[in-house]
Structures are given as C-alpha cells and as structure tokens.
Amino acid sequence: MNHDDHGLSLIGGGQMALALAEGFCRAGLVTGPDIQVYDPAAAAKERLAARVPGVRFAAGAAAAAAAAPIVFLAVKPQQAAEACREIAASLRADAVLVSIVAGLSTATLAAIAGTPRVIRVMPNTPSLVGRGVSVVCHTPAVPAAALARTLALLAAVGHVHEADESLLDAVTGVSGSGPGFIARFVEALAEGGVQAGLPPDLALALAVQTLAGTGALLEQTGEHPARVREKVSSPGGTTLAGLAVLDQQGVPAAIAAAVVAAAARARELGRPPDASPAGRDR
C-alpha cells in the first residue's frame, strides 16, 4: 500500500496539529505512517513522535506538501503567507489545502498558494480531548470526495459545522477564542470559592466539574441557557444573589464584548501584506 495515496500532510506541528493527528489516528481514519509533518521545532517533533507512533517528518514544507493529497496548514497567522509560498510549487495537481489559520480567507490562501482548492477550518483547543468544534467553508473548486474526507477527519476530534465564509471571523470570536474566555471564567469561579473559604484544590475541581456538567446538560437537553439559568434561580435564593452581582459588574456585557473584540482581531489577521499569486497556474 502506498500510504501517500490516502495520507495527509501537516505544515506545522503545534498543539492543534497534534490534536488533529491524534484524533485522526484514534478514529482509525489514518495511521501514524500515513501522516507526514514539517515543523522546524525539535520539541514539536518529539511530542508528535511520542503521541502519534510512526508519524513521518519531512525535511521541509515543500517536501511535506508534495507527499499527500490533503495538506493541512497549521501555522501561526504571521507565518502563513511564507508557508504558502514555500509549498505552492510542490502541491500536487489534485491537492486540497486545508487551512486552520485564523483570519486568512480562502481567496487569500488560494492566491498565495496558487491553488483554487482550499478548505478553511476554524477548530478549537478542546479538539485535544476529542470535544472540539470545527467550522468549515471551502472554495467551489474543492472536489466533493476531498471535502467529505476532510469533514470525516475533523469529525474525529469533535463537532463539525459548515458555514458561509463571511461568518468565520465571528465563529473565531465564539468557539475559537471561547475556550480562553471560559478558562478565565473557571479561574474566577475557583477564586471565588477560595475567597468563600474552600481549599484551592477543591475550589478548582468544583469549578471545572460544574462547567463540564453544565455544558453536558445544555448539549444533551437542547434547552436554551436562559431556561437552564431560570431553573436554578429560586426567588430570593443563592443563585439570584450571585447573578445580580454579575449583572451589576457588567460581566455578561464584557463577555459579549470579548467575543466581538476577538472577531475584530481575526479580521485584522486576515489582511495579508501580500496576496500575490505564487507557484503555477491552476
């Protein structure tokens, strides 16, 4: 069997690339030897080799791009243009570029990488534990079979949604940056527990488990968060006392503003310094 016929390549081997590779293998969609990675950082390669047995490493981005029909671009936004130029001449004629880079549009990626076949994905860090959310859009030139395979791969690390590309900056604000906002909330919830007299370890455990349980409740029942909130808010009770403080302190408005700020930053990251075509005509 030629692994490269159904394998995939990763340009970038950071935490999100690791989450994807591990999830793909865990689901049995590929094996370690089916995956080729380029990342110059020794620590990233060591982490991948330990968690994805058999994964192969390329000497450069161009070599990795040439090795598979699906090429994931998993670098930082500031590195994306250079990476696209490096791989442009090496992408297979039928290759599909799958970008998980925040902000960069399919049109920009297509122009720099010199291919009309681009899938853009906004994943998030819970993909590391198979509970991620990925939102996908793509150019019209992406073949149906390649899109279906990419969606199946992404489903191995969590939920997958398709959306119009115009929504992806807002998606970034909610699900892309959301784990950071939620982690900050958990920090504060645990700190409140400590201030109320709990040992730090117990306070943090209660905060994390309460978040996880509430998320599962919302997901499994399908109830609107407002309804769940109302059910636990007895008149004159403890929850209403705390909610009143959250409203007085402007916490709900601050969370919404954080999402808007993250979405705005995603739009800023999507303004490349140079989107001139590279590589061959496609």
C-alpha atoms as a PDB file:
ATOM      1  CA  MET A   1       0.000   0.000   0.000  1.00  0.00           C
ATOM      2  CA  ASN A   2       1.198   3.483  -0.792  1.00  0.00           C
ATOM      3  CA  HIS A   3       0.495   5.489   2.331  1.00  0.00           C
ATOM      4  CA  ASP A   4       0.681   8.739   0.391  1.00  0.00           C
ATOM      5  CA  ASP A   5      -2.368   7.875  -1.750  1.00  0.00           C
ATOM      6  CA  HIS A   6      -4.703   8.318   1.210  1.00  0.00           C
ATOM      7  CA  GLY A   7      -2.407  10.059   3.665  1.00  0.00           C
ATOM      8  CA  LEU A   8      -2.169  13.664   4.695  1.00  0.00           C
ATOM      9  CA  SER A   9       0.455  16.249   5.473  1.00  0.00           C
ATOM     10  CA  LEU A  10       0.675  18.831   8.224  1.00  0.00           C
ATOM     11  CA  ILE A  11       2.594  22.058   7.723  1.00  0.00           C
ATOM     12  CA  GLY A  12       3.163  22.949  11.367  1.00  0.00           C
ATOM     13  CA  GLY A  13       3.289  20.538  14.295  1.00  0.00           C
ATOM     14  CA  GLY A  14       1.963  22.544  17.242  1.00  0.00           C
ATOM     15  CA  GLN A  15      -0.778  21.690  19.715  1.00  0.00           C
ATOM     16  CA  MET A  16      -3.634  21.877  17.211  1.00  0.00           C
ATOM     17  CA  ALA A  17      -1.747  19.775  14.664  1.00  0.00           C
ATOM     18  CA  LEU A  18      -1.104  17.233  17.418  1.00  0.00           C
ATOM     19  CA  ALA A  19      -4.795  17.198  18.366  1.00  0.00           C
ATOM     20  CA  LEU A  20      -5.793  16.594  14.763  1.00  0.00           C
ATOM     21  CA  ALA A  21      -3.224  13.879  14.100  1.00  0.00           C
ATOM     22  CA  GLU A  22      -4.041  12.060  17.331  1.00  0.00           C
ATOM     23  CA  GLY A  23      -7.768  12.266  16.695  1.00  0.00           C
ATOM     24  CA  PHE A  24      -7.487  11.036  13.116  1.00  0.00           C
ATOM     25  CA  CYS A  25      -5.483   8.012  14.267  1.00  0.00           C
ATOM     26  CA  ARG A  26      -7.720   7.341  17.262  1.00  0.00           C
ATOM     27  CA  ALA A  27     -10.713   7.143  14.930  1.00  0.00           C
ATOM     28  CA  GLY A  28      -8.879   4.714  12.654  1.00  0.00           C
ATOM     29  CA  LEU A  29      -9.099   7.041   9.651  1.00  0.00           C
ATOM     30  CA  VAL A  30      -5.319   7.028   9.188  1.00  0.00           C
ATOM     31  CA  THR A  31      -2.296   5.517  10.900  1.00  0.00           C
ATOM     32  CA  GLY A  32       0.856   7.286  12.052  1.00  0.00           C
ATOM     33  CA  PRO A  33       2.828   6.406   8.902  1.00  0.00           C
ATOM     34  CA  ASP A  34       0.057   7.960   6.769  1.00  0.00           C
ATOM     35  CA  ILE A  35       0.864  11.376   8.261  1.00  0.00           C
ATOM     36  CA  GLN A  36       3.824  13.496   7.227  1.00  0.00           C
ATOM     37  CA  VAL A  37       4.686  16.628   9.201  1.00  0.00           C
ATOM     38  CA  TYR A  38       7.010  19.546   8.743  1.00  0.00           C
ATOM     39  CA  ASP A  39       7.905  21.623  11.775  1.00  0.00           C
ATOM     40  CA  PRO A  40      11.379  23.030  12.463  1.00  0.00           C
ATOM     41  CA  ALA A  41      10.957  22.841  16.250  1.00  0.00           C
ATOM     42  CA  ALA A  42      12.529  19.786  17.857  1.00  0.00           C
ATOM     43  CA  ALA A  43      10.088  19.903  20.790  1.00  0.00           C
ATOM     44  CA  ALA A  44       7.091  19.734  18.455  1.00  0.00           C
ATOM     45  CA  LYS A  45       8.549  16.762  16.611  1.00  0.00           C
ATOM     46  CA  GLU A  46       9.346  14.929  19.844  1.00  0.00           C
ATOM     47  CA  ARG A  47       5.808  15.475  21.118  1.00  0.00           C
ATOM     48  CA  LEU A  48       4.274  14.230  17.881  1.00  0.00           C
ATOM     49  CA  ALA A  49       6.554  11.196  17.696  1.00  0.00           C
ATOM     50  CA  ALA A  50       5.586  10.226  21.250  1.00  0.00           C
ATOM     51  CA  ARG A  51       1.833  10.673  20.785  1.00  0.00           C
ATOM     52  CA  VAL A  52       1.433   9.571  17.146  1.00  0.00           C
ATOM     53  CA  PRO A  53       3.607   6.452  16.710  1.00  0.00           C
ATOM     54  CA  GLY A  54       5.026   6.084  13.225  1.00  0.00           C
ATOM     55  CA  VAL A  55       4.391   9.670  12.140  1.00  0.00           C
ATOM     56  CA  ARG A  56       6.861  10.755   9.469  1.00  0.00           C
ATOM     57  CA  PHE A  57       8.762  14.030   9.336  1.00  0.00           C
ATOM     58  CA  ALA A  58       9.668  15.944   6.185  1.00  0.00           C
ATOM     59  CA  ALA A  59      12.853  17.916   5.732  1.00  0.00           C
ATOM     60  CA  GLY A  60      10.928  20.977   4.583  1.00  0.00           C
ATOM     61  CA  ALA A  61       7.462  22.385   3.968  1.00  0.00           C
ATOM     62  CA  ALA A  62       7.692  21.764   0.220  1.00  0.00           C
ATOM     63  CA  ALA A  63       8.542  18.100   0.737  1.00  0.00           C
ATOM     64  CA  ALA A  64       5.644  17.644   3.136  1.00  0.00           C
ATOM     65  CA  ALA A  65       3.230  19.348   0.721  1.00  0.00           C
ATOM     66  CA  ALA A  66       4.269  17.060  -2.120  1.00  0.00           C
ATOM     67  CA  ALA A  67       3.642  13.935  -0.054  1.00  0.00           C
ATOM     68  CA  ALA A  68      -0.161  13.840   0.192  1.00  0.00           C
ATOM     69  CA  PRO A  69      -3.426  14.840  -1.497  1.00  0.00           C
ATOM     70  CA  ILE A  70      -4.659  16.664   1.627  1.00  0.00           C
ATOM     71  CA  VAL A  71      -2.341  19.254   3.123  1.00  0.00           C
ATOM     72  CA  PHE A  72      -3.219  20.895   6.444  1.00  0.00           C
ATOM     73  CA  LEU A  73      -1.781  24.360   7.001  1.00  0.00           C
ATOM     74  CA  ALA A  74      -1.381  24.593  10.791  1.00  0.00           C
ATOM     75  CA  VAL A  75       0.968  27.540  11.363  1.00  0.00           C
ATOM     76  CA  LYS A  76       0.546  30.877  13.098  1.00  0.00           C
ATOM     77  CA  PRO A  77      -1.193  33.599  11.039  1.00  0.00           C
ATOM     78  CA  GLN A  78       2.043  35.581  10.820  1.00  0.00           C
ATOM     79  CA  GLN A  79       3.792  32.586   9.237  1.00  0.00           C
ATOM     80  CA  ALA A  80       1.032  31.552   6.846  1.00  0.00           C
ATOM     81  CA  ALA A  81       1.934  33.646   3.796  1.00  0.00           C
ATOM     82  CA  GLU A  82       5.538  32.447   3.835  1.00  0.00           C
ATOM     83  CA  ALA A  83       4.449  28.837   4.325  1.00  0.00           C
ATOM     84  CA  CYS A  84       2.017  29.080   1.405  1.00  0.00           C
ATOM     85  CA  ARG A  85       4.749  30.422  -0.861  1.00  0.00           C
ATOM     86  CA  GLU A  86       7.072  27.604   0.202  1.00  0.00           C
ATOM     87  CA  ILE A  87       4.573  24.895  -0.709  1.00  0.00           C
ATOM     88  CA  ALA A  88       2.991  26.490  -3.801  1.00  0.00           C
ATOM     89  CA  ALA A  89       5.199  24.813  -6.391  1.00  0.00           C
ATOM     90  CA  SER A  90       5.117  21.444  -4.600  1.00  0.00           C
ATOM     91  CA  LEU A  91       1.391  20.875  -4.111  1.00  0.00           C
ATOM     92  CA  ARG A  92       0.062  18.020  -6.194  1.00  0.00           C
ATOM     93  CA  ALA A  93      -2.141  18.979  -9.136  1.00  0.00           C
ATOM     94  CA  ASP A  94      -5.136  17.461  -7.326  1.00  0.00           C
ATOM     95  CA  ALA A  95      -4.154  18.551  -3.812  1.00  0.00           C
ATOM     96  CA  VAL A  96      -6.528  20.261  -1.411  1.00  0.00           C
ATOM     97  CA  LEU A  97      -5.134  22.817   1.050  1.00  0.00           C
ATOM     98  CA  VAL A  98      -6.916  22.728   4.428  1.00  0.00           C
ATOM     99  CA  SER A  99      -6.124  25.822   6.471  1.00  0.00           C
ATOM    100  CA  ILE A 100      -6.724  26.130  10.208  1.00  0.00           C
ATOM    101  CA  VAL A 101      -5.090  29.583  10.237  1.00  0.00           C
ATOM    102  CA  ALA A 102      -7.246  32.236  11.915  1.00  0.00           C
ATOM    103  CA  GLY A 103      -8.321  35.157   9.768  1.00  0.00           C
ATOM    104  CA  LEU A 104      -6.915  34.253   6.352  1.00  0.00           C
ATOM    105  CA  SER A 105      -9.645  33.926   3.723  1.00  0.00           C
ATOM    106  CA  THR A 106      -9.885  31.167   1.159  1.00  0.00           C
ATOM    107  CA  ALA A 107      -9.279  33.754  -1.580  1.00  0.00           C
ATOM    108  CA  THR A 108      -6.064  34.948   0.052  1.00  0.00           C
ATOM    109  CA  LEU A 109      -4.841  31.416   0.669  1.00  0.00           C
ATOM    110  CA  ALA A 110      -5.664  30.397  -2.902  1.00  0.00           C
ATOM    111  CA  ALA A 111      -3.801  33.383  -4.304  1.00  0.00           C
ATOM    112  CA  ILE A 112      -0.635  32.845  -2.276  1.00  0.00           C
ATOM    113  CA  ALA A 113      -0.543  29.052  -2.527  1.00  0.00           C
ATOM    114  CA  GLY A 114      -1.510  29.057  -6.197  1.00  0.00           C
ATOM    115  CA  THR A 115      -4.391  26.583  -5.896  1.00  0.00           C
ATOM    116  CA  PRO A 116      -8.169  27.063  -6.191  1.00  0.00           C
ATOM    117  CA  ARG A 117      -8.832  24.047  -3.931  1.00  0.00           C
ATOM    118  CA  VAL A 118      -8.908  25.489  -0.410  1.00  0.00           C
ATOM    119  CA  ILE A 119     -10.851  24.428   2.668  1.00  0.00           C
ATOM    120  CA  ARG A 120     -10.804  26.825   5.605  1.00  0.00           C
ATOM    121  CA  VAL A 121     -11.429  25.488   9.105  1.00  0.00           C
ATOM    122  CA  MET A 122     -11.821  27.209  12.448  1.00  0.00           C
ATOM    123  CA  PRO A 123     -11.156  24.490  15.062  1.00  0.00           C
ATOM    124  CA  ASN A 124     -10.662  24.975  18.781  1.00  0.00           C
ATOM    125  CA  THR A 125      -8.460  23.548  21.502  1.00  0.00           C
ATOM    126  CA  PRO A 126     -10.951  21.061  23.031  1.00  0.00           C
ATOM    127  CA  SER A 127     -10.071  19.052  19.910  1.00  0.00           C
ATOM    128  CA  LEU A 128      -7.149  17.874  22.059  1.00  0.00           C
ATOM    129  CA  VAL A 129      -9.611  15.720  24.018  1.00  0.00           C
ATOM    130  CA  GLY A 130     -11.959  14.870  21.153  1.00  0.00           C
ATOM    131  CA  ARG A 131     -14.531  17.516  22.167  1.00  0.00           C
ATOM    132  CA  GLY A 132     -13.650  20.239  19.728  1.00  0.00           C
ATOM    133  CA  VAL A 133     -15.782  22.365  17.435  1.00  0.00           C
ATOM    134  CA  SER A 134     -14.726  22.940  13.821  1.00  0.00           C
ATOM    135  CA  VAL A 135     -16.499  25.285  11.416  1.00  0.00           C
ATOM    136  CA  VAL A 136     -15.749  24.747   7.735  1.00  0.00           C
ATOM    137  CA  CYS A 137     -16.083  26.648   4.468  1.00  0.00           C
ATOM    138  CA  HIS A 138     -14.467  25.986   1.094  1.00  0.00           C
ATOM    139  CA  THR A 139     -13.924  27.213  -2.437  1.00  0.00           C
ATOM    140  CA  PRO A 140     -16.145  25.845  -5.234  1.00  0.00           C
ATOM    141  CA  ALA A 141     -13.191  24.008  -6.795  1.00  0.00           C
ATOM    142  CA  VAL A 142     -12.832  21.571  -3.874  1.00  0.00           C
ATOM    143  CA  PRO A 143     -13.921  18.104  -5.102  1.00  0.00           C
ATOM    144  CA  ALA A 144     -16.835  16.541  -3.229  1.00  0.00           C
ATOM    145  CA  ALA A 145     -14.783  13.485  -2.262  1.00  0.00           C
ATOM    146  CA  ALA A 146     -11.981  15.607  -0.772  1.00  0.00           C
ATOM    147  CA  LEU A 147     -14.483  17.708   1.168  1.00  0.00           C
ATOM    148  CA  ALA A 148     -16.222  14.605   2.505  1.00  0.00           C
ATOM    149  CA  ARG A 149     -12.903  13.109   3.637  1.00  0.00           C
ATOM    150  CA  THR A 150     -11.872  16.337   5.337  1.00  0.00           C
ATOM    151  CA  LEU A 151     -15.206  16.591   7.163  1.00  0.00           C
ATOM    152  CA  ALA A 152     -14.844  12.969   8.297  1.00  0.00           C
ATOM    153  CA  LEU A 153     -11.333  13.652   9.578  1.00  0.00           C
ATOM    154  CA  LEU A 154     -12.483  16.716  11.520  1.00  0.00           C
ATOM    155  CA  ALA A 155     -15.431  14.806  12.989  1.00  0.00           C
ATOM    156  CA  ALA A 156     -12.855  12.552  14.662  1.00  0.00           C
ATOM    157  CA  VAL A 157     -11.948  15.417  17.023  1.00  0.00           C
ATOM    158  CA  GLY A 158     -15.414  16.815  17.759  1.00  0.00           C
ATOM    159  CA  HIS A 159     -18.402  18.561  16.229  1.00  0.00           C
ATOM    160  CA  VAL A 160     -18.255  19.882  12.665  1.00  0.00           C
ATOM    161  CA  HIS A 161     -20.383  22.679  11.189  1.00  0.00           C
ATOM    162  CA  GLU A 162     -20.387  24.139   7.692  1.00  0.00           C
ATOM    163  CA  ALA A 163     -20.974  27.882   7.362  1.00  0.00           C
ATOM    164  CA  ASP A 164     -20.585  30.732   4.923  1.00  0.00           C
ATOM    165  CA  GLU A 165     -17.085  32.162   4.992  1.00  0.00           C
ATOM    166  CA  SER A 166     -18.427  35.595   5.938  1.00  0.00           C
ATOM    167  CA  LEU A 167     -19.256  34.157   9.371  1.00  0.00           C
ATOM    168  CA  LEU A 168     -15.837  32.721  10.201  1.00  0.00           C
ATOM    169  CA  ASP A 169     -14.430  35.764  11.985  1.00  0.00           C
ATOM    170  CA  ALA A 170     -17.453  35.739  14.303  1.00  0.00           C
ATOM    171  CA  VAL A 171     -17.004  31.968  14.709  1.00  0.00           C
ATOM    172  CA  THR A 172     -13.420  32.659  15.768  1.00  0.00           C
ATOM    173  CA  GLY A 173     -14.696  35.010  18.457  1.00  0.00           C
ATOM    174  CA  VAL A 174     -17.093  32.418  19.896  1.00  0.00           C
ATOM    175  CA  SER A 175     -15.604  28.934  19.518  1.00  0.00           C
ATOM    176  CA  GLY A 176     -12.020  29.756  18.538  1.00  0.00           C
ATOM    177  CA  SER A 177     -11.280  32.176  21.374  1.00  0.00           C
ATOM    178  CA  GLY A 178     -14.098  30.950  23.611  1.00  0.00           C
ATOM    179  CA  PRO A 179     -12.020  28.282  25.386  1.00  0.00           C
ATOM    180  CA  GLY A 180      -9.737  31.054  26.636  1.00  0.00           C
ATOM    181  CA  PHE A 181     -12.681  33.103  27.886  1.00  0.00           C
ATOM    182  CA  ILE A 182     -14.235  30.084  29.561  1.00  0.00           C
ATOM    183  CA  ALA A 183     -10.948  29.097  31.195  1.00  0.00           C
ATOM    184  CA  ARG A 184     -10.709  32.643  32.583  1.00  0.00           C
ATOM    185  CA  PHE A 185     -14.236  32.299  33.957  1.00  0.00           C
ATOM    186  CA  VAL A 186     -13.315  28.998  35.636  1.00  0.00           C
ATOM    187  CA  GLU A 187     -10.286  30.674  37.200  1.00  0.00           C
ATOM    188  CA  ALA A 188     -12.561  33.347  38.636  1.00  0.00           C
ATOM    189  CA  LEU A 189     -15.164  30.827  39.794  1.00  0.00           C
ATOM    190  CA  ALA A 190     -12.469  28.866  41.647  1.00  0.00           C
ATOM    191  CA  GLU A 191     -11.002  32.055  43.121  1.00  0.00           C
ATOM    192  CA  GLY A 192     -14.454  32.963  44.416  1.00  0.00           C
ATOM    193  CA  GLY A 193     -14.619  29.564  46.084  1.00  0.00           C
ATOM    194  CA  VAL A 194     -11.296  30.218  47.796  1.00  0.00           C
ATOM    195  CA  GLN A 195     -12.487  33.629  48.981  1.00  0.00           C
ATOM    196  CA  ALA A 196     -15.603  31.944  50.355  1.00  0.00           C
ATOM    197  CA  GLY A 197     -13.437  29.531  52.366  1.00  0.00           C
ATOM    198  CA  LEU A 198     -12.724  26.496  50.154  1.00  0.00           C
ATOM    199  CA  PRO A 199      -9.280  24.912  49.794  1.00  0.00           C
ATOM    200  CA  PRO A 200      -7.839  25.852  46.360  1.00  0.00           C
ATOM    201  CA  ASP A 201      -7.758  22.284  45.007  1.00  0.00           C
ATOM    202  CA  LEU A 202     -11.367  21.631  45.935  1.00  0.00           C
ATOM    203  CA  ALA A 203     -12.493  25.020  44.606  1.00  0.00           C
ATOM    204  CA  LEU A 204     -10.845  24.374  41.242  1.00  0.00           C
ATOM    205  CA  ALA A 205     -12.221  20.827  40.995  1.00  0.00           C
ATOM    206  CA  LEU A 206     -15.743  22.070  41.726  1.00  0.00           C
ATOM    207  CA  ALA A 207     -15.423  24.874  39.172  1.00  0.00           C
ATOM    208  CA  VAL A 208     -14.136  22.611  36.397  1.00  0.00           C
ATOM    209  CA  GLN A 209     -16.670  19.860  37.071  1.00  0.00           C
ATOM    210  CA  THR A 210     -19.538  22.335  37.290  1.00  0.00           C
ATOM    211  CA  LEU A 211     -18.559  23.819  33.930  1.00  0.00           C
ATOM    212  CA  ALA A 212     -18.291  20.384  32.313  1.00  0.00           C
ATOM    213  CA  GLY A 213     -21.599  19.228  33.792  1.00  0.00           C
ATOM    214  CA  THR A 214     -23.460  22.361  32.774  1.00  0.00           C
ATOM    215  CA  GLY A 215     -22.090  22.125  29.241  1.00  0.00           C
ATOM    216  CA  ALA A 216     -23.214  18.498  29.010  1.00  0.00           C
ATOM    217  CA  LEU A 217     -26.648  19.433  30.369  1.00  0.00           C
ATOM    218  CA  LEU A 218     -27.093  22.160  27.773  1.00  0.00           C
ATOM    219  CA  GLU A 219     -25.861  19.929  24.960  1.00  0.00           C
ATOM    220  CA  GLN A 220     -27.902  16.868  25.846  1.00  0.00           C
ATOM    221  CA  THR A 221     -31.186  18.590  26.704  1.00  0.00           C
ATOM    222  CA  GLY A 222     -31.003  21.204  23.950  1.00  0.00           C
ATOM    223  CA  GLU A 223     -32.538  23.730  26.326  1.00  0.00           C
ATOM    224  CA  HIS A 224     -31.730  27.412  25.929  1.00  0.00           C
ATOM    225  CA  PRO A 225     -29.179  28.603  28.515  1.00  0.00           C
ATOM    226  CA  ALA A 226     -31.668  31.156  29.808  1.00  0.00           C
ATOM    227  CA  ARG A 227     -34.101  28.353  30.647  1.00  0.00           C
ATOM    228  CA  VAL A 228     -31.423  26.367  32.481  1.00  0.00           C
ATOM    229  CA  ARG A 229     -30.460  29.505  34.372  1.00  0.00           C
ATOM    230  CA  GLU A 230     -34.076  30.143  35.358  1.00  0.00           C
ATOM    231  CA  LYS A 231     -34.487  26.601  36.680  1.00  0.00           C
ATOM    232  CA  VAL A 232     -31.654  27.056  39.183  1.00  0.00           C
ATOM    233  CA  SER A 233     -32.643  30.603  40.162  1.00  0.00           C
ATOM    234  CA  SER A 234     -35.123  30.254  43.032  1.00  0.00           C
ATOM    235  CA  PRO A 235     -36.748  33.532  44.177  1.00  0.00           C
ATOM    236  CA  GLY A 236     -34.681  35.031  46.949  1.00  0.00           C
ATOM    237  CA  GLY A 237     -32.126  32.246  46.602  1.00  0.00           C
ATOM    238  CA  THR A 238     -28.365  31.992  46.332  1.00  0.00           C
ATOM    239  CA  THR A 239     -28.095  31.895  42.523  1.00  0.00           C
ATOM    240  CA  LEU A 240     -30.107  35.088  42.056  1.00  0.00           C
ATOM    241  CA  ALA A 241     -27.904  36.807  44.640  1.00  0.00           C
ATOM    242  CA  GLY A 242     -24.824  35.924  42.609  1.00  0.00           C
ATOM    243  CA  LEU A 243     -26.403  36.696  39.226  1.00  0.00           C
ATOM    244  CA  ALA A 244     -27.318  40.159  40.477  1.00  0.00           C
ATOM    245  CA  VAL A 245     -23.635  40.833  41.145  1.00  0.00           C
ATOM    246  CA  LEU A 246     -22.640  39.551  37.697  1.00  0.00           C
ATOM    247  CA  ASP A 247     -25.130  41.932  36.105  1.00  0.00           C
ATOM    248  CA  GLN A 248     -24.094  44.847  38.325  1.00  0.00           C
ATOM    249  CA  GLN A 249     -20.435  44.266  37.434  1.00  0.00           C
ATOM    250  CA  GLY A 250     -21.251  44.086  33.718  1.00  0.00           C
ATOM    251  CA  VAL A 251     -19.943  40.544  33.287  1.00  0.00           C
ATOM    252  CA  PRO A 252     -22.436  39.417  30.590  1.00  0.00           C
ATOM    253  CA  ALA A 253     -21.752  42.554  28.542  1.00  0.00           C
ATOM    254  CA  ALA A 254     -17.989  42.089  28.993  1.00  0.00           C
ATOM    255  CA  ILE A 255     -18.152  38.511  27.700  1.00  0.00           C
ATOM    256  CA  ALA A 256     -20.098  39.595  24.624  1.00  0.00           C
ATOM    257  CA  ALA A 257     -17.600  42.425  24.070  1.00  0.00           C
ATOM    258  CA  ALA A 258     -14.716  39.947  24.320  1.00  0.00           C
ATOM    259  CA  VAL A 259     -16.232  37.880  21.501  1.00  0.00           C
ATOM    260  CA  VAL A 260     -16.635  40.991  19.348  1.00  0.00           C
ATOM    261  CA  ALA A 261     -13.024  42.017  20.048  1.00  0.00           C
ATOM    262  CA  ALA A 262     -11.713  38.572  19.128  1.00  0.00           C
ATOM    263  CA  ALA A 263     -13.738  38.599  15.898  1.00  0.00           C
ATOM    264  CA  ALA A 264     -12.341  42.025  15.041  1.00  0.00           C
ATOM    265  CA  ARG A 265      -8.817  40.787  15.633  1.00  0.00           C
ATOM    266  CA  ALA A 266      -9.485  37.812  13.354  1.00  0.00           C
ATOM    267  CA  ARG A 267     -10.475  40.265  10.613  1.00  0.00           C
ATOM    268  CA  GLU A 268      -7.230  42.183  11.181  1.00  0.00           C
ATOM    269  CA  LEU A 269      -5.205  38.975  10.906  1.00  0.00           C
ATOM    270  CA  GLY A 270      -6.913  38.336   7.592  1.00  0.00           C
ATOM    271  CA  ARG A 271      -5.274  41.347   5.964  1.00  0.00           C
ATOM    272  CA  PRO A 272      -2.128  39.864   4.429  1.00  0.00           C
ATOM    273  CA  PRO A 273       0.823  42.066   3.476  1.00  0.00           C
ATOM    274  CA  ASP A 274       0.977  40.423   0.044  1.00  0.00           C
ATOM    275  CA  ALA A 275      -1.541  38.095  -1.561  1.00  0.00           C
ATOM    276  CA  SER A 276       0.136  37.884  -4.954  1.00  0.00           C
ATOM    277  CA  PRO A 277      -0.133  34.512  -6.729  1.00  0.00           C
ATOM    278  CA  ALA A 278       2.713  32.078  -6.269  1.00  0.00           C
ATOM    279  CA  GLY A 279       3.555  28.845  -7.961  1.00  0.00           C
ATOM    280  CA  ARG A 280       1.987  27.538 -11.124  1.00  0.00           C
ATOM    281  CA  ASP A 281      -1.349  28.428 -12.677  1.00  0.00           C
ATOM    282  CA  ARG A 282      -4.218  26.248 -11.589  1.00  0.00           C
END
